[in-house]
Amino acid sequence: MRKILFANLVVILIATGNLMAKDRALSGAVKVENGQRLPGMNILLKGTNRGTNSDGNGAFKRSVPASGTFVSSSMGYETKEVAFGSRVFVSI
């Protein structure tokens, strides 16, 4: 009985820890090689359905976990993945 209670407590603590993980704000810009910013690019957090689009100046803001990867795509452009780690600004 004690082993079952302990196992349940461990599962609850792990689930609670995952729920309590805080997202943080991250901003960035989508650019081509010459530095020109691209509006309307799709930016997704890899492995999720959480995303945003770059605005008219190619800029974006998104709430993100402590680390992860963005996947940027749009018709006519190559899909690109960029790991953002602990950065507060990322250029794609």
N, C-alpha and C. Protein backbone atom coordinates (compact mmCIF):
# COMPACT_ATOMS: atom_id res chain seq x y z
N MET A 1 0.83 -1.20 0.00
CA MET A 1 0.00 0.00 0.00
C MET A 1 0.87 1.25 0.00
N ARG A 2 1.94 1.26 0.80
CA ARG A 2 2.82 2.43 0.85
C ARG A 2 3.53 2.65 -0.49
N LYS A 3 3.90 1.57 -1.17
CA LYS A 3 4.55 1.71 -2.46
C LYS A 3 3.61 2.34 -3.49
N ILE A 4 2.35 1.95 -3.47
CA ILE A 4 1.38 2.53 -4.40
C ILE A 4 1.18 4.00 -4.11
N LEU A 5 1.04 4.37 -2.85
CA LEU A 5 0.88 5.77 -2.48
C LEU A 5 2.09 6.59 -2.89
N PHE A 6 3.29 6.03 -2.67
CA PHE A 6 4.52 6.73 -3.05
C PHE A 6 4.58 6.92 -4.56
N ALA A 7 4.24 5.89 -5.32
CA ALA A 7 4.25 5.97 -6.78
C ALA A 7 3.26 7.03 -7.26
N ASN A 8 2.08 7.08 -6.66
CA ASN A 8 1.09 8.09 -7.03
C ASN A 8 1.59 9.49 -6.70
N LEU A 9 2.25 9.65 -5.55
CA LEU A 9 2.78 10.95 -5.16
C LEU A 9 3.84 11.41 -6.15
N VAL A 10 4.71 10.51 -6.58
CA VAL A 10 5.76 10.85 -7.54
C VAL A 10 5.14 11.31 -8.86
N VAL A 11 4.12 10.60 -9.33
CA VAL A 11 3.46 10.97 -10.58
C VAL A 11 2.81 12.35 -10.43
N ILE A 12 2.17 12.61 -9.32
CA ILE A 12 1.53 13.90 -9.09
C ILE A 12 2.57 15.02 -9.06
N LEU A 13 3.69 14.79 -8.39
CA LEU A 13 4.73 15.81 -8.33
C LEU A 13 5.32 16.09 -9.70
N ILE A 14 5.54 15.07 -10.49
CA ILE A 14 6.07 15.27 -11.84
C ILE A 14 5.07 16.04 -12.69
N ALA A 15 3.79 15.67 -12.64
CA ALA A 15 2.77 16.36 -13.41
C ALA A 15 2.64 17.81 -12.96
N THR A 16 2.70 18.05 -11.67
CA THR A 16 2.61 19.41 -11.15
C THR A 16 3.80 20.24 -11.61
N GLY A 17 4.98 19.66 -11.60
CA GLY A 17 6.18 20.37 -12.06
C GLY A 17 6.06 20.77 -13.51
N ASN A 18 5.50 19.89 -14.35
CA ASN A 18 5.31 20.21 -15.76
C ASN A 18 4.28 21.31 -15.95
N LEU A 19 3.23 21.30 -15.14
CA LEU A 19 2.20 22.33 -15.25
C LEU A 19 2.70 23.68 -14.77
N MET A 20 3.64 23.68 -13.83
CA MET A 20 4.11 24.92 -13.26
C MET A 20 5.26 25.55 -14.05
N ALA A 21 5.75 24.83 -15.06
CA ALA A 21 6.82 25.38 -15.87
C ALA A 21 6.35 26.69 -16.51
N LYS A 22 7.13 27.71 -16.37
CA LYS A 22 6.74 29.04 -16.87
C LYS A 22 7.28 29.29 -18.26
N ASP A 23 6.42 29.83 -19.10
CA ASP A 23 6.86 30.30 -20.41
C ASP A 23 7.46 31.68 -20.24
N ARG A 24 8.19 32.10 -21.24
CA ARG A 24 8.80 33.43 -21.22
C ARG A 24 8.58 34.08 -22.58
N ALA A 25 8.73 35.38 -22.62
CA ALA A 25 8.54 36.12 -23.87
C ALA A 25 9.81 36.05 -24.72
N LEU A 26 9.63 35.87 -26.00
CA LEU A 26 10.74 35.86 -26.95
C LEU A 26 10.29 36.65 -28.17
N SER A 27 11.14 37.52 -28.64
CA SER A 27 10.83 38.27 -29.86
C SER A 27 11.88 37.94 -30.90
N GLY A 28 11.57 38.25 -32.13
CA GLY A 28 12.52 37.95 -33.19
C GLY A 28 12.12 38.62 -34.49
N ALA A 29 12.88 38.29 -35.51
CA ALA A 29 12.63 38.82 -36.85
C ALA A 29 12.98 37.76 -37.88
N VAL A 30 12.21 37.73 -38.95
CA VAL A 30 12.49 36.82 -40.06
C VAL A 30 13.09 37.66 -41.18
N LYS A 31 14.29 37.24 -41.63
CA LYS A 31 15.02 38.00 -42.65
C LYS A 31 15.56 37.08 -43.73
N VAL A 32 15.79 37.66 -44.91
CA VAL A 32 16.51 36.95 -45.97
C VAL A 32 17.99 37.31 -45.83
N GLU A 33 18.82 36.68 -46.64
CA GLU A 33 20.27 36.84 -46.51
C GLU A 33 20.73 38.30 -46.57
N ASN A 34 20.06 39.14 -47.36
CA ASN A 34 20.51 40.53 -47.47
C ASN A 34 20.00 41.41 -46.33
N GLY A 35 19.29 40.81 -45.36
CA GLY A 35 18.80 41.55 -44.21
C GLY A 35 17.39 42.07 -44.33
N GLN A 36 16.80 41.94 -45.52
CA GLN A 36 15.42 42.38 -45.71
C GLN A 36 14.49 41.52 -44.86
N ARG A 37 13.60 42.16 -44.11
CA ARG A 37 12.66 41.44 -43.25
C ARG A 37 11.47 40.94 -44.06
N LEU A 38 10.94 39.77 -43.65
CA LEU A 38 9.85 39.15 -44.38
C LEU A 38 8.56 39.14 -43.57
N PRO A 39 7.53 39.83 -44.03
CA PRO A 39 6.24 39.78 -43.34
C PRO A 39 5.47 38.51 -43.67
N GLY A 40 4.57 38.11 -42.79
CA GLY A 40 3.66 37.00 -43.07
C GLY A 40 4.26 35.61 -43.01
N MET A 41 5.44 35.46 -42.43
CA MET A 41 6.04 34.13 -42.30
C MET A 41 5.39 33.39 -41.13
N ASN A 42 5.16 32.09 -41.31
CA ASN A 42 4.63 31.24 -40.24
C ASN A 42 5.77 30.80 -39.34
N ILE A 43 5.60 30.96 -38.04
CA ILE A 43 6.63 30.57 -37.07
C ILE A 43 5.97 29.68 -36.04
N LEU A 44 6.34 28.40 -36.02
CA LEU A 44 5.77 27.43 -35.10
C LEU A 44 6.82 26.95 -34.10
N LEU A 45 6.38 26.67 -32.89
CA LEU A 45 7.24 26.03 -31.91
C LEU A 45 7.24 24.56 -32.27
N LYS A 46 8.40 24.02 -32.62
CA LYS A 46 8.53 22.67 -33.14
C LYS A 46 7.87 21.65 -32.20
N GLY A 47 7.11 20.75 -32.80
CA GLY A 47 6.46 19.69 -32.05
C GLY A 47 5.16 20.11 -31.37
N THR A 48 4.70 21.33 -31.65
CA THR A 48 3.46 21.82 -31.06
C THR A 48 2.61 22.46 -32.14
N ASN A 49 1.44 22.92 -31.75
CA ASN A 49 0.62 23.71 -32.66
C ASN A 49 0.64 25.18 -32.25
N ARG A 50 1.59 25.56 -31.40
CA ARG A 50 1.75 26.93 -30.94
C ARG A 50 2.59 27.71 -31.93
N GLY A 51 2.04 28.79 -32.42
CA GLY A 51 2.78 29.56 -33.39
C GLY A 51 2.28 30.98 -33.52
N THR A 52 2.88 31.67 -34.46
CA THR A 52 2.52 33.06 -34.75
C THR A 52 2.96 33.36 -36.18
N ASN A 53 2.71 34.57 -36.62
CA ASN A 53 3.16 35.04 -37.93
C ASN A 53 3.98 36.30 -37.74
N SER A 54 4.93 36.51 -38.63
CA SER A 54 5.69 37.76 -38.56
C SER A 54 4.79 38.89 -39.05
N ASP A 55 4.96 40.07 -38.45
CA ASP A 55 4.13 41.23 -38.80
C ASP A 55 4.64 41.89 -40.09
N GLY A 56 4.14 43.06 -40.39
CA GLY A 56 4.50 43.78 -41.61
C GLY A 56 5.96 44.14 -41.71
N ASN A 57 6.67 44.14 -40.56
CA ASN A 57 8.12 44.43 -40.55
C ASN A 57 8.95 43.17 -40.37
N GLY A 58 8.31 41.99 -40.46
CA GLY A 58 9.04 40.73 -40.30
C GLY A 58 9.30 40.37 -38.84
N ALA A 59 8.76 41.15 -37.90
CA ALA A 59 8.98 40.91 -36.48
C ALA A 59 7.89 40.01 -35.90
N PHE A 60 8.21 39.34 -34.80
CA PHE A 60 7.23 38.52 -34.10
C PHE A 60 7.55 38.45 -32.62
N LYS A 61 6.54 38.10 -31.83
CA LYS A 61 6.69 37.84 -30.40
C LYS A 61 5.92 36.57 -30.09
N ARG A 62 6.46 35.79 -29.17
CA ARG A 62 5.81 34.53 -28.81
C ARG A 62 6.17 34.15 -27.40
N SER A 63 5.24 33.57 -26.68
CA SER A 63 5.51 33.00 -25.37
C SER A 63 6.09 31.61 -25.61
N VAL A 64 7.26 31.33 -25.03
CA VAL A 64 7.96 30.07 -25.30
C VAL A 64 8.45 29.44 -24.00
N PRO A 65 8.76 28.14 -24.02
CA PRO A 65 9.37 27.50 -22.87
C PRO A 65 10.83 27.92 -22.72
N ALA A 66 11.52 27.39 -21.73
CA ALA A 66 12.91 27.77 -21.47
C ALA A 66 13.82 27.56 -22.67
N SER A 67 13.56 26.54 -23.47
CA SER A 67 14.35 26.33 -24.69
C SER A 67 13.50 25.55 -25.68
N GLY A 68 13.92 25.58 -26.92
CA GLY A 68 13.17 24.88 -27.96
C GLY A 68 13.63 25.30 -29.33
N THR A 69 12.82 24.98 -30.33
CA THR A 69 13.17 25.26 -31.72
C THR A 69 11.96 25.84 -32.44
N PHE A 70 12.21 26.88 -33.22
CA PHE A 70 11.19 27.45 -34.10
C PHE A 70 11.34 26.82 -35.48
N VAL A 71 10.20 26.62 -36.13
CA VAL A 71 10.18 26.20 -37.53
C VAL A 71 9.49 27.32 -38.29
N SER A 72 10.20 27.93 -39.22
CA SER A 72 9.68 29.04 -40.00
C SER A 72 9.42 28.58 -41.43
N SER A 73 8.23 28.93 -41.95
CA SER A 73 7.92 28.52 -43.31
C SER A 73 6.94 29.50 -43.95
N SER A 74 6.94 29.49 -45.25
CA SER A 74 5.98 30.25 -46.04
C SER A 74 6.12 29.78 -47.48
N MET A 75 5.04 29.89 -48.22
CA MET A 75 5.06 29.46 -49.61
C MET A 75 6.13 30.24 -50.37
N GLY A 76 6.97 29.54 -51.11
CA GLY A 76 8.01 30.18 -51.90
C GLY A 76 9.33 30.33 -51.17
N TYR A 77 9.38 29.95 -49.89
CA TYR A 77 10.61 30.06 -49.10
C TYR A 77 10.96 28.71 -48.49
N GLU A 78 12.24 28.49 -48.30
CA GLU A 78 12.73 27.26 -47.68
C GLU A 78 12.34 27.24 -46.20
N THR A 79 11.88 26.08 -45.71
CA THR A 79 11.58 25.92 -44.29
C THR A 79 12.89 25.92 -43.52
N LYS A 80 12.90 26.63 -42.40
CA LYS A 80 14.13 26.74 -41.62
C LYS A 80 13.82 26.49 -40.15
N GLU A 81 14.71 25.76 -39.47
CA GLU A 81 14.60 25.52 -38.04
C GLU A 81 15.69 26.27 -37.30
N VAL A 82 15.31 26.94 -36.22
CA VAL A 82 16.27 27.70 -35.42
C VAL A 82 16.03 27.41 -33.95
N ALA A 83 17.06 26.88 -33.27
CA ALA A 83 16.98 26.66 -31.82
C ALA A 83 17.17 28.00 -31.12
N PHE A 84 16.32 28.29 -30.13
CA PHE A 84 16.43 29.59 -29.47
C PHE A 84 17.04 29.52 -28.08
N GLY A 85 17.14 28.35 -27.46
CA GLY A 85 17.79 28.25 -26.15
C GLY A 85 17.29 29.30 -25.18
N SER A 86 18.21 29.99 -24.52
CA SER A 86 17.82 30.98 -23.51
C SER A 86 17.82 32.41 -24.07
N ARG A 87 17.99 32.56 -25.38
CA ARG A 87 18.01 33.90 -25.98
C ARG A 87 16.67 34.60 -25.81
N VAL A 88 16.70 35.93 -25.82
CA VAL A 88 15.46 36.72 -25.73
C VAL A 88 15.10 37.32 -27.09
N PHE A 89 16.00 37.24 -28.06
CA PHE A 89 15.73 37.68 -29.42
C PHE A 89 16.36 36.67 -30.37
N VAL A 90 15.65 36.30 -31.40
CA VAL A 90 16.16 35.35 -32.37
C VAL A 90 15.91 35.87 -33.77
N SER A 91 16.91 35.70 -34.63
CA SER A 91 16.79 36.09 -36.02
C SER A 91 16.71 34.83 -36.85
N ILE A 92 15.67 34.70 -37.63
CA ILE A 92 15.48 33.49 -38.46
C ILE A 92 15.83 33.84 -39.90
